[in-house]
Amino acid sequence: MRPPYNITPEILTLISTIAESVGVINAVHLLSPRAELRNANRIKTIQSSLEIEGNTLSIDQVTALLDNKRVIGPKEDILEVNNAITVYDQLEEFDPFSFTSFLKAHALLMKGIVPSAGKTRSGGVGIVKGSKLTHLAPPAKMVRSLLINLFTYLKKDKDPLLIKSCVFHYEMEFIHPFADGNGRMGRLWQTVILNRYNSVFAFLPVESIIKNRQADYYKSLSISDQGGNSTRFIEFMLSVLDEALEQVLTVRQTPLSAADRIELFKKTIGKSVFSRVDYLSQFKKISQATASRDLKEAVKKNIIEKEGDKRTTKYNYL
């Protein structure tokens, strides 16, 4: 059963601008950001998502934990960050359409924090702000069937994956399937879904934008709850994604290094055998001599192996 929402003119406009931005990113080879940018955005993602949930660790402390350095802070906060680091390091391994993969992610994210990590809740749950109950989640006995229906929608519905990722995020928060960790799981799984749409989304500072617009985030959830559909939340989340892509495109980009090109080409070619001509077809602005140097250096570093000689030369990734 398709969750209730409407496709508004604002949603259509945002889908179009997001698609255009992704196209530009693909065209100028920003699909695989430089290692420093990936790390910086991953740190912001982890710190921001957990700060929304009350974690007190700073960007510097999260950075230190990522570098395996000792950090002084609340034990549970440190555990939350270490768990999140583990999960985001495995982002590529999660199947966005798998209920089992979803539960595995929760188990890793909440390991040692709640006894029921990786399991749906067994009791009722509500969200209270101040003295007011703002959301009463469906009964525990309905959770599993609601999630299975949601994953069926995600896998089979014909609407764009961008929209479905937002719908999933909202519906997961509405169902509130876990005793704890629902907020961070909703944001994480939307990233997992978007990573299937285009891998640039794995490295966008989406969580930090949500943190900066936290009041609007919760307001859009509330409006969608009151309206009985996720339309307002879809509009909000698409605007966040649009802003995140705009940030990537407005940051001054330094030219790709040989290592960047070799890493990016691996995602294009996979395990296939390729030639220098194939490599040049991906990077049209470099010379034949530069391509030869790139490939020679990659062979030297045991990243690729070379077979044949001169015109018969072929390469493949090890």
Protein backbone atom coordinates (compact mmCIF):
# COMPACT_ATOMS: atom_id res chain seq x y z
CA MET A 1 0.00 0.00 0.00
CA ARG A 2 1.39 3.41 -1.01
CA PRO A 3 1.82 5.85 1.92
CA PRO A 4 -0.27 9.02 1.56
CA TYR A 5 1.39 12.09 -0.01
CA ASN A 6 0.87 14.50 -2.90
CA ILE A 7 3.30 15.58 -5.62
CA THR A 8 3.24 19.39 -5.43
CA PRO A 9 4.74 21.96 -7.84
CA GLU A 10 7.42 22.67 -5.20
CA ILE A 11 8.37 18.98 -5.09
CA LEU A 12 8.60 18.83 -8.89
CA THR A 13 10.77 21.96 -8.99
CA LEU A 14 13.12 20.62 -6.30
CA ILE A 15 13.39 17.23 -8.05
CA SER A 16 14.40 19.05 -11.22
CA THR A 17 17.04 21.27 -9.56
CA ILE A 18 18.49 18.34 -7.62
CA ALA A 19 18.75 16.28 -10.83
CA GLU A 20 20.50 19.20 -12.55
CA SER A 21 22.98 19.58 -9.69
CA VAL A 22 23.75 15.85 -9.71
CA GLY A 23 24.30 16.07 -13.46
CA VAL A 24 26.80 18.89 -13.03
CA ILE A 25 28.60 16.98 -10.29
CA ASN A 26 28.86 13.95 -12.56
CA ALA A 27 30.09 16.05 -15.47
CA VAL A 28 32.91 17.70 -13.54
CA HIS A 29 33.97 14.52 -11.72
CA LEU A 30 32.93 15.58 -8.23
CA LEU A 31 31.13 12.25 -7.78
CA SER A 32 33.98 10.96 -5.64
CA PRO A 33 35.07 13.89 -3.46
CA ARG A 34 38.66 14.18 -2.30
CA ALA A 35 39.52 12.12 0.78
CA GLU A 36 39.80 15.20 3.02
CA LEU A 37 36.33 16.41 1.99
CA ARG A 38 34.82 12.96 2.46
CA ASN A 39 36.28 12.72 5.97
CA ALA A 40 35.22 16.26 6.90
CA ASN A 41 31.64 15.69 5.76
CA ARG A 42 31.48 12.26 7.41
CA ILE A 43 32.57 13.83 10.71
CA LYS A 44 29.94 16.59 10.37
CA THR A 45 27.30 14.00 9.53
CA ILE A 46 28.00 11.87 12.59
CA GLN A 47 28.39 14.78 15.00
CA SER A 48 25.29 16.60 13.74
CA SER A 49 22.99 13.57 13.72
CA LEU A 50 23.97 12.65 17.26
CA GLU A 51 23.83 16.24 18.55
CA ILE A 52 20.20 16.37 17.39
CA GLU A 53 19.62 13.41 19.74
CA GLY A 54 21.43 15.09 22.66
CA ASN A 55 25.02 13.86 22.23
CA THR A 56 27.48 16.39 23.71
CA LEU A 57 30.68 15.56 21.80
CA SER A 58 32.15 18.28 19.60
CA ILE A 59 33.46 18.10 16.03
CA ASP A 60 37.02 17.96 17.42
CA GLN A 61 36.15 15.07 19.74
CA VAL A 62 34.44 13.12 16.94
CA THR A 63 37.49 13.74 14.75
CA ALA A 64 39.75 12.40 17.50
CA LEU A 65 37.64 9.24 17.85
CA LEU A 66 37.73 8.75 14.09
CA ASP A 67 41.54 8.93 14.36
CA ASN A 68 41.47 6.33 17.18
CA LYS A 69 42.61 8.89 19.77
CA ARG A 70 41.56 8.96 23.41
CA VAL A 71 38.69 11.32 24.22
CA ILE A 72 37.38 12.45 27.59
CA GLY A 73 33.61 12.66 27.70
CA PRO A 74 30.43 10.86 28.77
CA LYS A 75 30.86 7.12 28.21
CA GLU A 76 27.55 6.72 26.37
CA ASP A 77 28.25 9.69 24.10
CA ILE A 78 31.61 8.18 23.13
CA LEU A 79 29.94 4.81 22.49
CA GLU A 80 27.28 6.46 20.30
CA VAL A 81 29.97 8.12 18.18
CA ASN A 82 32.05 4.96 17.84
CA ASN A 83 28.95 3.01 16.81
CA ALA A 84 28.04 5.67 14.24
CA ILE A 85 31.58 5.60 12.82
CA THR A 86 31.26 1.82 12.38
CA VAL A 87 27.90 2.16 10.63
CA TYR A 88 28.89 4.97 8.26
CA ASP A 89 32.09 3.11 7.36
CA GLN A 90 29.85 0.26 6.16
CA LEU A 91 27.34 2.47 4.33
CA GLU A 92 28.00 0.84 0.94
CA GLU A 93 27.25 -2.62 2.36
CA PHE A 94 23.65 -1.89 3.42
CA ASP A 95 20.86 -2.84 1.03
CA PRO A 96 18.33 0.04 1.08
CA PHE A 97 15.48 -2.31 0.13
CA SER A 98 16.20 -4.97 2.77
CA PHE A 99 14.37 -5.07 6.10
CA THR A 100 17.09 -7.41 7.40
CA SER A 101 19.83 -4.94 6.43
CA PHE A 102 17.86 -2.17 8.14
CA LEU A 103 17.75 -4.13 11.40
CA LYS A 104 21.47 -4.90 11.12
CA ALA A 105 22.23 -1.18 10.85
CA HIS A 106 20.20 -0.48 13.98
CA ALA A 107 22.02 -3.28 15.81
CA LEU A 108 25.38 -1.68 15.00
CA LEU A 109 24.21 1.87 15.68
CA MET A 110 22.72 1.06 19.10
CA LYS A 111 25.09 -1.70 20.25
CA GLY A 112 25.67 -1.43 23.99
CA ILE A 113 23.22 1.47 24.26
CA VAL A 114 19.90 -0.40 24.37
CA PRO A 115 19.37 -4.14 25.05
CA SER A 116 17.00 -4.36 22.07
CA ALA A 117 19.51 -3.14 19.46
CA GLY A 118 18.55 -4.61 16.08
CA LYS A 119 15.02 -5.52 17.22
CA THR A 120 11.72 -3.72 16.82
CA ARG A 121 10.07 -2.49 20.01
CA SER A 122 7.82 -4.67 22.13
CA GLY A 123 5.91 -1.89 23.88
CA GLY A 124 4.09 1.36 23.19
CA VAL A 125 5.98 4.60 22.62
CA GLY A 126 5.16 8.27 22.27
CA ILE A 127 7.06 11.51 21.77
CA VAL A 128 6.67 14.05 24.56
CA LYS A 129 7.82 17.67 24.40
CA GLY A 130 7.56 19.40 27.73
CA SER A 131 4.36 18.07 29.23
CA LYS A 132 2.64 17.55 25.88
CA LEU A 133 2.36 14.26 23.95
CA THR A 134 3.16 15.29 20.38
CA HIS A 135 3.08 11.88 18.72
CA LEU A 136 1.70 8.49 19.69
CA ALA A 137 3.27 5.75 17.58
CA PRO A 138 1.27 2.73 16.32
CA PRO A 139 1.00 -0.27 18.68
CA ALA A 140 4.02 -2.59 18.83
CA LYS A 141 2.07 -5.49 17.31
CA MET A 142 1.66 -3.46 14.09
CA VAL A 143 5.29 -2.35 13.72
CA ARG A 144 6.68 -5.29 11.77
CA SER A 145 3.87 -5.39 9.21
CA LEU A 146 4.01 -1.60 8.76
CA LEU A 147 7.76 -1.77 8.09
CA ILE A 148 7.40 -4.65 5.65
CA ASN A 149 4.76 -2.64 3.75
CA LEU A 150 7.06 0.37 3.78
CA PHE A 151 9.95 -1.63 2.32
CA THR A 152 7.61 -3.06 -0.33
CA TYR A 153 6.63 0.49 -1.31
CA LEU A 154 10.29 1.54 -1.39
CA LYS A 155 11.21 -1.36 -3.66
CA LYS A 156 8.24 -1.48 -6.02
CA ASP A 157 6.62 1.95 -6.30
CA LYS A 158 7.36 3.83 -9.54
CA ASP A 159 7.84 7.30 -8.01
CA PRO A 160 11.41 8.73 -8.13
CA LEU A 161 13.79 7.37 -5.51
CA LEU A 162 14.42 10.92 -4.29
CA ILE A 163 10.78 11.20 -3.25
CA LYS A 164 10.63 7.67 -1.87
CA SER A 165 13.67 8.31 0.33
CA CYS A 166 11.85 11.24 1.96
CA VAL A 167 8.64 9.25 2.33
CA PHE A 168 10.56 6.41 3.97
CA HIS A 169 12.25 8.83 6.38
CA TYR A 170 8.90 10.31 7.43
CA GLU A 171 7.02 7.02 7.67
CA MET A 172 9.82 5.45 9.71
CA GLU A 173 9.64 8.32 12.19
CA PHE A 174 5.85 7.97 12.30
CA ILE A 175 6.04 4.22 12.98
CA HIS A 176 8.86 4.73 15.51
CA PRO A 177 9.82 1.05 15.25
CA PHE A 178 12.58 0.99 17.89
CA ALA A 179 12.76 1.61 21.61
CA ASP A 180 15.53 4.14 20.88
CA GLY A 181 17.53 5.42 17.91
CA ASN A 182 14.59 6.19 15.60
CA GLY A 183 15.71 9.69 14.64
CA ARG A 184 19.25 8.74 13.73
CA MET A 185 18.01 5.61 11.88
CA GLY A 186 15.56 7.65 9.80
CA ARG A 187 18.31 10.03 8.71
CA LEU A 188 20.82 7.22 8.18
CA TRP A 189 18.48 5.11 6.04
CA GLN A 190 17.53 8.01 3.82
CA THR A 191 21.27 8.39 3.12
CA VAL A 192 21.51 4.64 2.38
CA ILE A 193 18.61 4.98 -0.09
CA LEU A 194 20.05 8.10 -1.71
CA ASN A 195 23.43 6.43 -2.05
CA ARG A 196 21.71 3.93 -4.36
CA TYR A 197 20.38 6.86 -6.43
CA ASN A 198 23.83 8.48 -6.67
CA SER A 199 26.91 7.92 -4.52
CA VAL A 200 27.53 11.66 -4.09
CA PHE A 201 24.77 11.62 -1.44
CA ALA A 202 26.93 9.49 0.85
CA PHE A 203 29.27 12.47 1.28
CA LEU A 204 26.86 15.42 1.50
CA PRO A 205 26.59 17.43 4.76
CA VAL A 206 22.85 16.70 4.98
CA GLU A 207 22.82 16.05 8.73
CA SER A 208 24.53 19.36 9.54
CA ILE A 209 21.94 21.25 7.48
CA ILE A 210 19.14 19.43 9.33
CA LYS A 211 20.81 20.38 12.63
CA ASN A 212 20.95 24.03 11.56
CA ARG A 213 17.30 23.85 10.50
CA GLN A 214 16.22 21.64 13.38
CA ALA A 215 13.10 23.65 14.24
CA ASP A 216 11.91 23.40 10.62
CA TYR A 217 12.72 19.67 10.60
CA TYR A 218 10.45 18.98 13.55
CA LYS A 219 7.82 21.43 12.30
CA SER A 220 7.61 19.61 8.95
CA LEU A 221 7.21 16.29 10.78
CA SER A 222 4.44 17.82 12.91
CA ILE A 223 2.61 19.35 9.94
CA SER A 224 2.76 16.02 8.12
CA ASP A 225 1.42 14.23 11.21
CA GLN A 226 -1.47 16.67 11.48
CA GLY A 227 -2.25 16.45 7.78
CA GLY A 228 -2.09 12.66 7.67
CA ASN A 229 0.45 12.61 4.82
CA SER A 230 4.17 13.25 4.29
CA THR A 231 3.88 16.00 1.65
CA ARG A 232 5.29 18.83 3.80
CA PHE A 233 8.15 16.65 5.04
CA ILE A 234 9.04 15.65 1.45
CA GLU A 235 9.23 19.34 0.51
CA PHE A 236 11.44 20.09 3.50
CA MET A 237 13.86 17.21 2.96
CA LEU A 238 14.19 17.91 -0.76
CA SER A 239 15.06 21.51 0.09
CA VAL A 240 17.77 20.20 2.45
CA LEU A 241 19.20 17.97 -0.28
CA ASP A 242 19.11 20.87 -2.73
CA GLU A 243 21.01 23.06 -0.25
CA ALA A 244 23.58 20.33 0.40
CA LEU A 245 24.26 19.89 -3.33
CA GLU A 246 24.52 23.65 -3.75
CA GLN A 247 27.19 23.73 -1.05
CA VAL A 248 29.21 21.12 -2.93
CA LEU A 249 28.93 23.05 -6.19
CA THR A 250 29.86 26.41 -4.68
CA VAL A 251 32.95 25.15 -2.86
CA ARG A 252 36.05 25.94 -4.89
CA GLN A 253 37.28 22.68 -6.40
CA THR A 254 40.97 21.91 -6.92
CA PRO A 255 41.90 19.79 -9.96
CA LEU A 256 41.73 16.04 -9.58
CA SER A 257 45.03 14.39 -8.73
CA ALA A 258 46.24 11.19 -10.41
CA ALA A 259 45.12 9.24 -7.30
CA ASP A 260 41.66 10.86 -7.50
CA ARG A 261 41.31 9.91 -11.17
CA ILE A 262 42.42 6.32 -10.57
CA GLU A 263 39.97 5.95 -7.66
CA LEU A 264 37.09 7.52 -9.60
CA PHE A 265 37.72 5.39 -12.69
CA LYS A 266 37.57 2.23 -10.58
CA LYS A 267 33.93 3.03 -9.79
CA THR A 268 33.23 3.37 -13.51
CA ILE A 269 35.07 0.30 -14.80
CA GLY A 270 34.77 -2.09 -11.84
CA LYS A 271 36.48 -5.40 -12.57
CA SER A 272 36.53 -4.96 -16.34
CA VAL A 273 39.74 -4.97 -18.35
CA PHE A 274 40.48 -1.55 -19.85
CA SER A 275 42.94 0.35 -22.04
CA ARG A 276 44.49 3.80 -21.91
CA VAL A 277 41.90 4.87 -24.50
CA ASP A 278 39.12 3.82 -22.10
CA TYR A 279 40.79 5.82 -19.33
CA LEU A 280 41.10 8.90 -21.56
CA SER A 281 37.44 8.65 -22.53
CA GLN A 282 36.56 9.27 -18.88
CA PHE A 283 38.99 12.17 -18.41
CA LYS A 284 38.89 14.05 -21.71
CA LYS A 285 40.83 17.08 -20.49
CA ILE A 286 44.07 15.26 -19.67
CA SER A 287 46.76 14.44 -22.24
CA GLN A 288 47.84 10.99 -23.37
CA ALA A 289 51.11 11.51 -21.50
CA THR A 290 49.25 12.33 -18.27
CA ALA A 291 47.06 9.24 -18.68
CA SER A 292 50.18 7.10 -19.17
CA ARG A 293 51.75 8.56 -16.02
CA ASP A 294 48.56 7.92 -14.02
CA LEU A 295 48.44 4.29 -15.10
CA LYS A 296 52.16 3.73 -14.63
CA GLU A 297 51.98 5.08 -11.07
CA ALA A 298 48.92 2.94 -10.29
CA VAL A 299 50.77 -0.17 -11.52
CA LYS A 300 53.76 0.77 -9.36
CA LYS A 301 51.50 1.07 -6.29
CA ASN A 302 49.83 -2.31 -7.06
CA ILE A 303 46.45 -0.69 -7.56
CA ILE A 304 46.16 -2.04 -11.10
CA GLU A 305 48.07 -4.62 -13.11
CA LYS A 306 49.31 -4.35 -16.67
CA GLU A 307 49.17 -6.97 -19.41
CA GLY A 308 50.63 -6.78 -22.91
CA ASP A 309 52.80 -4.06 -24.42
CA LYS A 310 52.37 -0.89 -26.45
CA ARG A 311 49.11 -1.07 -28.47
CA THR A 312 48.07 -4.37 -26.89
CA THR A 313 48.43 -3.04 -23.33
CA LYS A 314 45.46 -3.71 -21.07
CA TYR A 315 44.88 -2.99 -17.38
CA ASN A 316 42.65 -4.21 -14.61
CA TYR A 317 42.16 -3.30 -10.95
CA LEU A 318 43.60 -5.66 -8.35
